[in-house]
Amino acid sequence: MVDTGDSTIVSKLMKSSSRKTDPQWSLVTNHGHVLAYISMDRDARLRDLADRVGITERRAAQIVSELGRAGYLTKTRVGRRNRYQVDRRMTVQAPRLLMTVSQLLAVLVAALDKSSLA
């Protein structure tokens, strides 16, 4: 800490209690990632979604359920697998963001495609 008379400047960074040095956050939520991956692969397994997003399979199942309850997708059983259908006509639930799910997914999928090539 440096005392400059009028104000105090803290120069030392706080340490995380989890011992992680880099902040782990994203501008796109896990819900957005799951929805984007489902839009790219309607037959995706929860295990694959979880692996691609970096979450647990249980959390992937919760997110799929939440997206279904919100009307963003429907789930249909095909044999032993699930097939998902994204409702691309829905509007995105975000303040002052006037776009459809289809428009948002176009941006997310393009970004995910580019990141997988890097």
Foldseek 3Di string as FASTA:
>chain_A
DDDPPPDDDDDDDDADPVRDPDDDDDPADLLRQLLLVCVVPQQDQLCRSCVVSVHDSVVSVVSVVVCVVVPQWDWDDDPPTIGIDGPQQDFDPDPPDGDTNVVVSVVVNVVVVVVVVD
